[in-house]
């Protein structure tokens, strides 16, 4: 299960999406997320699905790899669907005792499930096609105007990049600790919810210790290399927009405009 989480991982291959400027991918992902909350009908989500499938195809990331990453949010998805399905008031279509399912609840639960699935897959495409260094550089460039207000842009970008990079590392560490605990007789599956929660304590303690140790090692390594963030730092590969990046911006904004027209104007 832990190895199925794709968010934060990088899939190395040569594709059009991989070669795009990281700023384009960051803005494109943001516009895609906005589009998911703009549309409120199945036609709009069909357009979002088509757009996402085209991007995945161009990225050359195996679709099975993307679907495998959805296993990690199944529990969250089920909770979101259940809450929206049974707690949304409206026209009752099915009722058993005090449990009621409304027409509005079915629509809301369906839209919520689609939004979560598309949101995770869209974000995964960005991280799978962009290295942590590229993400840091792209985010720092996009946030540069905030320096006027004395915002530590470089430090914020670096922290977010390190956090993303640590996701697969911590997942791998968790998997190793779980296997070690199971070999010593630990049981993480049987029992009720309280018992399962208690069984996670032997897992969480060494995981936190390992996370703090890795963070300390990273800080020591950065200090040993005389790392200093902020201004006056040069880039080995400076970000320069290419023709394909400008076309990608046009496509992303056209897609968002189409979603707004279909989701808010025509229907």
C-alpha atoms as a PDB file:
ATOM      1  CA  UNK A   1       0.000   0.000   0.000  1.00  0.00           C
ATOM      2  CA  UNK A   2       2.738   2.460   0.957  1.00  0.00           C
ATOM      3  CA  UNK A   3       4.674   1.809  -2.242  1.00  0.00           C
ATOM      4  CA  UNK A   4       1.560   2.639  -4.242  1.00  0.00           C
ATOM      5  CA  UNK A   5       1.720   6.329  -3.298  1.00  0.00           C
ATOM      6  CA  UNK A   6       3.053   8.170  -6.356  1.00  0.00           C
ATOM      7  CA  UNK A   7       2.810  11.767  -5.066  1.00  0.00           C
ATOM      8  CA  UNK A   8       6.322  13.173  -4.614  1.00  0.00           C
ATOM      9  CA  UNK A   9       8.021  10.549  -6.802  1.00  0.00           C
ATOM     10  CA  UNK A  10       9.791  11.275 -10.089  1.00  0.00           C
ATOM     11  CA  UNK A  11       9.367   9.032 -13.130  1.00  0.00           C
ATOM     12  CA  UNK A  12      12.395   9.440 -15.373  1.00  0.00           C
ATOM     13  CA  UNK A  13      11.723   9.339 -19.103  1.00  0.00           C
ATOM     14  CA  UNK A  14      11.852  11.669 -22.116  1.00  0.00           C
ATOM     15  CA  UNK A  15       8.540  13.299 -22.973  1.00  0.00           C
ATOM     16  CA  UNK A  16       7.052  16.651 -23.976  1.00  0.00           C
ATOM     17  CA  UNK A  17       5.691  17.150 -20.452  1.00  0.00           C
ATOM     18  CA  UNK A  18       9.072  16.361 -18.882  1.00  0.00           C
ATOM     19  CA  UNK A  19      10.740  18.994 -21.067  1.00  0.00           C
ATOM     20  CA  UNK A  20       8.292  21.760 -20.167  1.00  0.00           C
ATOM     21  CA  UNK A  21       9.405  24.584 -17.913  1.00  0.00           C
ATOM     22  CA  UNK A  22       8.507  23.761 -14.267  1.00  0.00           C
ATOM     23  CA  UNK A  23       6.676  27.102 -14.019  1.00  0.00           C
ATOM     24  CA  UNK A  24       4.340  25.954 -16.782  1.00  0.00           C
ATOM     25  CA  UNK A  25       3.624  22.699 -14.964  1.00  0.00           C
ATOM     26  CA  UNK A  26       2.998  24.464 -11.658  1.00  0.00           C
ATOM     27  CA  UNK A  27       0.616  26.993 -13.226  1.00  0.00           C
ATOM     28  CA  UNK A  28      -1.019  24.292 -15.343  1.00  0.00           C
ATOM     29  CA  UNK A  29      -1.636  22.119 -12.284  1.00  0.00           C
ATOM     30  CA  UNK A  30      -3.124  25.095 -10.426  1.00  0.00           C
ATOM     31  CA  UNK A  31      -5.417  25.909 -13.374  1.00  0.00           C
ATOM     32  CA  UNK A  32      -6.480  22.259 -13.587  1.00  0.00           C
ATOM     33  CA  UNK A  33      -7.369  22.211  -9.879  1.00  0.00           C
ATOM     34  CA  UNK A  34      -9.339  25.459 -10.292  1.00  0.00           C
ATOM     35  CA  UNK A  35     -11.216  23.940 -13.229  1.00  0.00           C
ATOM     36  CA  UNK A  36     -12.340  21.008 -11.068  1.00  0.00           C
ATOM     37  CA  UNK A  37     -14.158  23.420  -8.746  1.00  0.00           C
ATOM     38  CA  UNK A  38     -15.496  25.612 -11.541  1.00  0.00           C
ATOM     39  CA  UNK A  39     -17.496  22.919 -13.330  1.00  0.00           C
ATOM     40  CA  UNK A  40     -20.498  21.320 -11.666  1.00  0.00           C
ATOM     41  CA  UNK A  41     -21.829  19.022 -14.397  1.00  0.00           C
ATOM     42  CA  UNK A  42     -20.761  15.798 -16.071  1.00  0.00           C
ATOM     43  CA  UNK A  43     -19.947  17.472 -19.397  1.00  0.00           C
ATOM     44  CA  UNK A  44     -17.370  19.671 -17.673  1.00  0.00           C
ATOM     45  CA  UNK A  45     -15.827  16.673 -15.907  1.00  0.00           C
ATOM     46  CA  UNK A  46     -15.741  14.781 -19.218  1.00  0.00           C
ATOM     47  CA  UNK A  47     -13.642  17.631 -20.660  1.00  0.00           C
ATOM     48  CA  UNK A  48     -11.386  17.531 -17.573  1.00  0.00           C
ATOM     49  CA  UNK A  49     -10.995  13.750 -17.970  1.00  0.00           C
ATOM     50  CA  UNK A  50     -10.090  14.115 -21.651  1.00  0.00           C
ATOM     51  CA  UNK A  51      -7.549  16.851 -20.847  1.00  0.00           C
ATOM     52  CA  UNK A  52      -5.987  14.752 -18.061  1.00  0.00           C
ATOM     53  CA  UNK A  53      -5.777  11.636 -20.260  1.00  0.00           C
ATOM     54  CA  UNK A  54      -4.041  13.595 -23.030  1.00  0.00           C
ATOM     55  CA  UNK A  55      -1.499  15.009 -20.554  1.00  0.00           C
ATOM     56  CA  UNK A  56      -0.825  11.540 -19.092  1.00  0.00           C
ATOM     57  CA  UNK A  57      -0.382  10.151 -22.601  1.00  0.00           C
ATOM     58  CA  UNK A  58       2.069  12.925 -23.525  1.00  0.00           C
ATOM     59  CA  UNK A  59       3.995  12.432 -20.264  1.00  0.00           C
ATOM     60  CA  UNK A  60       4.701   8.767 -21.173  1.00  0.00           C
ATOM     61  CA  UNK A  61       4.011   7.797 -17.557  1.00  0.00           C
ATOM     62  CA  UNK A  62       2.285   4.368 -17.590  1.00  0.00           C
ATOM     63  CA  UNK A  63      -1.428   4.737 -16.822  1.00  0.00           C
ATOM     64  CA  UNK A  64      -1.222   1.699 -14.522  1.00  0.00           C
ATOM     65  CA  UNK A  65       1.353   3.612 -12.482  1.00  0.00           C
ATOM     66  CA  UNK A  66      -1.088   6.513 -12.118  1.00  0.00           C
ATOM     67  CA  UNK A  67      -3.993   4.227 -11.143  1.00  0.00           C
ATOM     68  CA  UNK A  68      -1.808   2.421  -8.617  1.00  0.00           C
ATOM     69  CA  UNK A  69      -1.278   5.720  -6.825  1.00  0.00           C
ATOM     70  CA  UNK A  70      -5.044   6.005  -6.233  1.00  0.00           C
ATOM     71  CA  UNK A  71      -5.011   3.056  -3.822  1.00  0.00           C
ATOM     72  CA  UNK A  72      -3.577   5.296  -1.103  1.00  0.00           C
ATOM     73  CA  UNK A  73      -6.660   7.566  -1.033  1.00  0.00           C
ATOM     74  CA  UNK A  74      -9.369   4.878  -1.222  1.00  0.00           C
ATOM     75  CA  UNK A  75     -10.199   5.280   2.486  1.00  0.00           C
ATOM     76  CA  UNK A  76     -10.390   9.090   2.217  1.00  0.00           C
ATOM     77  CA  UNK A  77     -12.479   8.741  -0.942  1.00  0.00           C
ATOM     78  CA  UNK A  78     -14.950   6.390   0.733  1.00  0.00           C
ATOM     79  CA  UNK A  79     -15.369   8.725   3.733  1.00  0.00           C
ATOM     80  CA  UNK A  80     -15.964  11.753   1.492  1.00  0.00           C
ATOM     81  CA  UNK A  81     -18.532   9.888  -0.604  1.00  0.00           C
ATOM     82  CA  UNK A  82     -20.401   8.499   2.422  1.00  0.00           C
ATOM     83  CA  UNK A  83     -20.631  11.863   4.187  1.00  0.00           C
ATOM     84  CA  UNK A  84     -21.896  13.640   1.075  1.00  0.00           C
ATOM     85  CA  UNK A  85     -24.237  10.804   0.148  1.00  0.00           C
ATOM     86  CA  UNK A  86     -26.032  10.476   3.492  1.00  0.00           C
ATOM     87  CA  UNK A  87     -25.779  13.974   4.984  1.00  0.00           C
ATOM     88  CA  UNK A  88     -26.908  16.101   2.043  1.00  0.00           C
ATOM     89  CA  UNK A  89     -30.533  17.326   2.358  1.00  0.00           C
ATOM     90  CA  UNK A  90     -32.825  17.418  -0.639  1.00  0.00           C
ATOM     91  CA  UNK A  91     -35.224  15.256  -2.639  1.00  0.00           C
ATOM     92  CA  UNK A  92     -35.284  11.780  -1.053  1.00  0.00           C
ATOM     93  CA  UNK A  93     -34.848   8.896  -3.507  1.00  0.00           C
ATOM     94  CA  UNK A  94     -34.161   6.098  -1.004  1.00  0.00           C
ATOM     95  CA  UNK A  95     -34.899   5.793   2.708  1.00  0.00           C
ATOM     96  CA  UNK A  96     -34.295   3.051   5.284  1.00  0.00           C
ATOM     97  CA  UNK A  97     -35.052   3.836   8.932  1.00  0.00           C
ATOM     98  CA  UNK A  98     -33.251   7.166   9.586  1.00  0.00           C
ATOM     99  CA  UNK A  99     -30.874   6.801   6.664  1.00  0.00           C
ATOM    100  CA  UNK A 100     -31.841   8.838   3.626  1.00  0.00           C
ATOM    101  CA  UNK A 101     -30.212   9.184   0.239  1.00  0.00           C
ATOM    102  CA  UNK A 102     -31.165  12.278  -1.693  1.00  0.00           C
ATOM    103  CA  UNK A 103     -30.832  13.175  -5.349  1.00  0.00           C
ATOM    104  CA  UNK A 104     -28.608  16.106  -4.407  1.00  0.00           C
ATOM    105  CA  UNK A 105     -26.484  13.788  -2.240  1.00  0.00           C
ATOM    106  CA  UNK A 106     -25.877  11.403  -5.150  1.00  0.00           C
ATOM    107  CA  UNK A 107     -24.769  14.262  -7.402  1.00  0.00           C
ATOM    108  CA  UNK A 108     -22.581  15.830  -4.713  1.00  0.00           C
ATOM    109  CA  UNK A 109     -20.965  12.501  -3.776  1.00  0.00           C
ATOM    110  CA  UNK A 110     -20.264  11.726  -7.425  1.00  0.00           C
ATOM    111  CA  UNK A 111     -18.706  15.128  -8.056  1.00  0.00           C
ATOM    112  CA  UNK A 112     -16.639  14.910  -4.870  1.00  0.00           C
ATOM    113  CA  UNK A 113     -15.258  11.495  -5.849  1.00  0.00           C
ATOM    114  CA  UNK A 114     -14.382  12.712  -9.350  1.00  0.00           C
ATOM    115  CA  UNK A 115     -12.722  15.848  -7.989  1.00  0.00           C
ATOM    116  CA  UNK A 116     -10.555  13.917  -5.530  1.00  0.00           C
ATOM    117  CA  UNK A 117      -9.478  11.368  -8.140  1.00  0.00           C
ATOM    118  CA  UNK A 118      -8.653  14.003 -10.760  1.00  0.00           C
ATOM    119  CA  UNK A 119      -6.932  16.242  -8.191  1.00  0.00           C
ATOM    120  CA  UNK A 120      -4.583  13.470  -7.020  1.00  0.00           C
ATOM    121  CA  UNK A 121      -3.846  12.284 -10.563  1.00  0.00           C
ATOM    122  CA  UNK A 122      -3.231  15.830 -11.825  1.00  0.00           C
ATOM    123  CA  UNK A 123      -0.877  16.622  -8.938  1.00  0.00           C
ATOM    124  CA  UNK A 124       0.911  13.301  -9.421  1.00  0.00           C
ATOM    125  CA  UNK A 125       1.567  14.094 -13.085  1.00  0.00           C
ATOM    126  CA  UNK A 126       3.363  17.271 -12.021  1.00  0.00           C
ATOM    127  CA  UNK A 127       5.582  15.565  -9.443  1.00  0.00           C
ATOM    128  CA  UNK A 128       6.216  12.513 -11.648  1.00  0.00           C
ATOM    129  CA  UNK A 129       7.488  14.689 -14.516  1.00  0.00           C
ATOM    130  CA  UNK A 130       9.400  17.310 -12.485  1.00  0.00           C
ATOM    131  CA  UNK A 131      12.490  16.821 -10.340  1.00  0.00           C
ATOM    132  CA  UNK A 132      12.607  18.404  -6.850  1.00  0.00           C
ATOM    133  CA  UNK A 133      15.288  20.856  -8.031  1.00  0.00           C
ATOM    134  CA  UNK A 134      13.109  21.961 -10.937  1.00  0.00           C
ATOM    135  CA  UNK A 135      10.138  22.378  -8.619  1.00  0.00           C
ATOM    136  CA  UNK A 136      12.208  24.552  -6.297  1.00  0.00           C
ATOM    137  CA  UNK A 137      13.469  26.763  -9.130  1.00  0.00           C
ATOM    138  CA  UNK A 138      10.022  27.063 -10.722  1.00  0.00           C
ATOM    139  CA  UNK A 139       8.259  27.879  -7.467  1.00  0.00           C
ATOM    140  CA  UNK A 140      10.908  30.435  -6.528  1.00  0.00           C
ATOM    141  CA  UNK A 141      10.550  32.166  -9.908  1.00  0.00           C
ATOM    142  CA  UNK A 142       6.766  32.286  -9.625  1.00  0.00           C
ATOM    143  CA  UNK A 143       6.914  33.726  -6.098  1.00  0.00           C
ATOM    144  CA  UNK A 144       9.602  36.310  -6.926  1.00  0.00           C
ATOM    145  CA  UNK A 145       7.144  39.279  -6.873  1.00  0.00           C
ATOM    146  CA  UNK A 146       6.507  38.570  -3.165  1.00  0.00           C
ATOM    147  CA  UNK A 147      10.077  39.651  -2.365  1.00  0.00           C
ATOM    148  CA  UNK A 148       8.773  43.213  -2.498  1.00  0.00           C
ATOM    149  CA  UNK A 149       6.891  42.421   0.727  1.00  0.00           C
ATOM    150  CA  UNK A 150      10.010  40.891   2.349  1.00  0.00           C
ATOM    151  CA  UNK A 151       8.687  37.327   1.947  1.00  0.00           C
ATOM    152  CA  UNK A 152      11.531  34.724   2.127  1.00  0.00           C
ATOM    153  CA  UNK A 153      10.668  33.237  -1.267  1.00  0.00           C
ATOM    154  CA  UNK A 154      13.748  31.032  -1.641  1.00  0.00           C
ATOM    155  CA  UNK A 155      13.352  29.494   1.808  1.00  0.00           C
ATOM    156  CA  UNK A 156       9.641  28.767   1.239  1.00  0.00           C
ATOM    157  CA  UNK A 157      10.340  27.130  -2.127  1.00  0.00           C
ATOM    158  CA  UNK A 158      13.161  25.072  -0.636  1.00  0.00           C
ATOM    159  CA  UNK A 159      11.012  23.844   2.271  1.00  0.00           C
ATOM    160  CA  UNK A 160       8.165  22.799  -0.035  1.00  0.00           C
ATOM    161  CA  UNK A 161      10.576  21.011  -2.347  1.00  0.00           C
ATOM    162  CA  UNK A 162      12.243  19.150   0.523  1.00  0.00           C
ATOM    163  CA  UNK A 163       8.827  18.185   1.921  1.00  0.00           C
ATOM    164  CA  UNK A 164       7.818  16.708  -1.444  1.00  0.00           C
ATOM    165  CA  UNK A 165      11.133  14.907  -1.776  1.00  0.00           C
ATOM    166  CA  UNK A 166      10.797  13.401   1.697  1.00  0.00           C
ATOM    167  CA  UNK A 167       7.403  11.790   0.941  1.00  0.00           C
ATOM    168  CA  UNK A 168       8.782   8.727  -0.925  1.00  0.00           C
ATOM    169  CA  UNK A 169      11.751   8.505   1.471  1.00  0.00           C
ATOM    170  CA  UNK A 170       9.510   8.388   4.546  1.00  0.00           C
ATOM    171  CA  UNK A 171       7.183   5.908   2.848  1.00  0.00           C
ATOM    172  CA  UNK A 172      10.103   3.614   2.125  1.00  0.00           C
ATOM    173  CA  UNK A 173      11.301   3.995   5.726  1.00  0.00           C
ATOM    174  CA  UNK A 174       7.799   3.208   7.021  1.00  0.00           C
ATOM    175  CA  UNK A 175       7.659   0.079   4.873  1.00  0.00           C
ATOM    176  CA  UNK A 176      11.007  -1.111   6.251  1.00  0.00           C
ATOM    177  CA  UNK A 177       9.961  -0.492   9.866  1.00  0.00           C
ATOM    178  CA  UNK A 178       6.630  -2.282   9.336  1.00  0.00           C
ATOM    179  CA  UNK A 179       8.376  -5.336   7.903  1.00  0.00           C
ATOM    180  CA  UNK A 180      10.844  -5.337  10.795  1.00  0.00           C
ATOM    181  CA  UNK A 181       8.021  -5.070  13.348  1.00  0.00           C
ATOM    182  CA  UNK A 182       6.016  -7.828  11.633  1.00  0.00           C
ATOM    183  CA  UNK A 183       9.110 -10.079  11.703  1.00  0.00           C
ATOM    184  CA  UNK A 184       9.197  -9.498  15.475  1.00  0.00           C
ATOM    185  CA  UNK A 185       5.549 -10.556  15.834  1.00  0.00           C
ATOM    186  CA  UNK A 186       3.721  -7.219  15.529  1.00  0.00           C
ATOM    187  CA  UNK A 187       0.159  -7.356  14.184  1.00  0.00           C
ATOM    188  CA  UNK A 188      -1.154  -4.291  12.293  1.00  0.00           C
ATOM    189  CA  UNK A 189      -4.246  -5.890  10.739  1.00  0.00           C
ATOM    190  CA  UNK A 190      -6.375  -7.726  13.322  1.00  0.00           C
ATOM    191  CA  UNK A 191      -8.492  -6.213  16.111  1.00  0.00           C
ATOM    192  CA  UNK A 192     -10.837  -3.258  16.324  1.00  0.00           C
ATOM    193  CA  UNK A 193     -10.041   0.347  15.462  1.00  0.00           C
ATOM    194  CA  UNK A 194      -8.626   1.162  18.926  1.00  0.00           C
ATOM    195  CA  UNK A 195      -6.381  -1.890  18.900  1.00  0.00           C
ATOM    196  CA  UNK A 196      -5.110  -1.052  15.422  1.00  0.00           C
ATOM    197  CA  UNK A 197      -4.351   2.504  16.558  1.00  0.00           C
ATOM    198  CA  UNK A 198      -2.388   1.198  19.554  1.00  0.00           C
ATOM    199  CA  UNK A 199      -0.450  -1.198  17.315  1.00  0.00           C
ATOM    200  CA  UNK A 200       0.821   1.796  15.311  1.00  0.00           C
ATOM    201  CA  UNK A 201       2.726   3.229  18.304  1.00  0.00           C
ATOM    202  CA  UNK A 202       5.755   0.913  17.814  1.00  0.00           C
ATOM    203  CA  UNK A 203       5.740   2.095  14.195  1.00  0.00           C
ATOM    204  CA  UNK A 204       5.365   5.848  14.734  1.00  0.00           C
ATOM    205  CA  UNK A 205       8.090   6.251  17.366  1.00  0.00           C
ATOM    206  CA  UNK A 206      11.005   4.914  15.235  1.00  0.00           C
ATOM    207  CA  UNK A 207       9.536   6.674  12.184  1.00  0.00           C
ATOM    208  CA  UNK A 208       9.642  10.072  13.927  1.00  0.00           C
ATOM    209  CA  UNK A 209      13.166   9.366  15.196  1.00  0.00           C
ATOM    210  CA  UNK A 210      14.260   8.447  11.669  1.00  0.00           C
ATOM    211  CA  UNK A 211      12.612  11.575  10.208  1.00  0.00           C
ATOM    212  CA  UNK A 212      14.353  13.860  12.715  1.00  0.00           C
ATOM    213  CA  UNK A 213      17.670  12.103  12.080  1.00  0.00           C
ATOM    214  CA  UNK A 214      17.325  12.558   8.320  1.00  0.00           C
ATOM    215  CA  UNK A 215      16.389  16.228   8.773  1.00  0.00           C
ATOM    216  CA  UNK A 216      19.430  16.762  10.993  1.00  0.00           C
ATOM    217  CA  UNK A 217      21.710  15.004   8.494  1.00  0.00           C
ATOM    218  CA  UNK A 218      20.332  17.169   5.683  1.00  0.00           C
ATOM    219  CA  UNK A 219      20.876  20.375   7.681  1.00  0.00           C
ATOM    220  CA  UNK A 220      24.441  19.294   8.535  1.00  0.00           C
ATOM    221  CA  UNK A 221      25.188  18.486   4.891  1.00  0.00           C
ATOM    222  CA  UNK A 222      23.858  21.885   3.747  1.00  0.00           C
ATOM    223  CA  UNK A 223      25.947  23.694   6.367  1.00  0.00           C
ATOM    224  CA  UNK A 224      29.053  21.677   5.465  1.00  0.00           C
ATOM    225  CA  UNK A 225      28.638  22.824   1.866  1.00  0.00           C
ATOM    226  CA  UNK A 226      28.279  26.446   3.036  1.00  0.00           C
ATOM    227  CA  UNK A 227      24.767  26.612   1.649  1.00  0.00           C
ATOM    228  CA  UNK A 228      23.187  30.057   1.850  1.00  0.00           C
ATOM    229  CA  UNK A 229      19.739  30.725   0.472  1.00  0.00           C
ATOM    230  CA  UNK A 230      18.231  33.938  -0.823  1.00  0.00           C
ATOM    231  CA  UNK A 231      19.571  36.449  -3.316  1.00  0.00           C
ATOM    232  CA  UNK A 232      22.817  36.397  -5.295  1.00  0.00           C
ATOM    233  CA  UNK A 233      22.605  32.645  -5.967  1.00  0.00           C
ATOM    234  CA  UNK A 234      23.345  31.556  -9.512  1.00  0.00           C
ATOM    235  CA  UNK A 235      21.629  28.687 -11.333  1.00  0.00           C
ATOM    236  CA  UNK A 236      23.429  25.954 -13.215  1.00  0.00           C
ATOM    237  CA  UNK A 237      20.376  25.638 -15.482  1.00  0.00           C
ATOM    238  CA  UNK A 238      18.514  28.971 -15.553  1.00  0.00           C
ATOM    239  CA  UNK A 239      14.841  28.784 -16.476  1.00  0.00           C
ATOM    240  CA  UNK A 240      14.127  30.206 -19.925  1.00  0.00           C
ATOM    241  CA  UNK A 241      10.758  29.952 -21.628  1.00  0.00           C
ATOM    242  CA  UNK A 242      10.763  28.078 -24.934  1.00  0.00           C
ATOM    243  CA  UNK A 243       8.179  28.099 -27.716  1.00  0.00           C
ATOM    244  CA  UNK A 244       6.601  24.895 -26.391  1.00  0.00           C
ATOM    245  CA  UNK A 245       6.147  26.529 -22.969  1.00  0.00           C
ATOM    246  CA  UNK A 246       4.198  29.435 -24.452  1.00  0.00           C
ATOM    247  CA  UNK A 247       1.977  27.036 -26.388  1.00  0.00           C
ATOM    248  CA  UNK A 248       1.409  25.033 -23.196  1.00  0.00           C
ATOM    249  CA  UNK A 249       0.239  28.218 -21.436  1.00  0.00           C
ATOM    250  CA  UNK A 250      -2.194  28.883 -24.289  1.00  0.00           C
ATOM    251  CA  UNK A 251      -3.593  25.344 -24.081  1.00  0.00           C
ATOM    252  CA  UNK A 252      -4.013  25.512 -20.280  1.00  0.00           C
ATOM    253  CA  UNK A 253      -5.788  28.864 -20.349  1.00  0.00           C
ATOM    254  CA  UNK A 254      -7.982  27.737 -23.257  1.00  0.00           C
ATOM    255  CA  UNK A 255      -8.921  24.617 -21.282  1.00  0.00           C
ATOM    256  CA  UNK A 256      -9.833  26.675 -18.189  1.00  0.00           C
ATOM    257  CA  UNK A 257     -11.861  29.117 -20.303  1.00  0.00           C
ATOM    258  CA  UNK A 258     -13.725  26.199 -21.882  1.00  0.00           C
ATOM    259  CA  UNK A 259     -14.532  24.778 -18.432  1.00  0.00           C
ATOM    260  CA  UNK A 260     -15.810  28.161 -17.220  1.00  0.00           C
ATOM    261  CA  UNK A 261     -17.999  28.618 -20.325  1.00  0.00           C
ATOM    262  CA  UNK A 262     -19.473  25.107 -20.118  1.00  0.00           C
ATOM    263  CA  UNK A 263     -19.682  24.931 -16.329  1.00  0.00           C
ATOM    264  CA  UNK A 264     -20.962  28.412 -15.524  1.00  0.00           C
ATOM    265  CA  UNK A 265     -22.320  30.095 -18.657  1.00  0.00           C
ATOM    266  CA  UNK A 266     -23.964  27.546 -20.946  1.00  0.00           C
ATOM    267  CA  UNK A 267     -25.351  25.149 -18.297  1.00  0.00           C
END
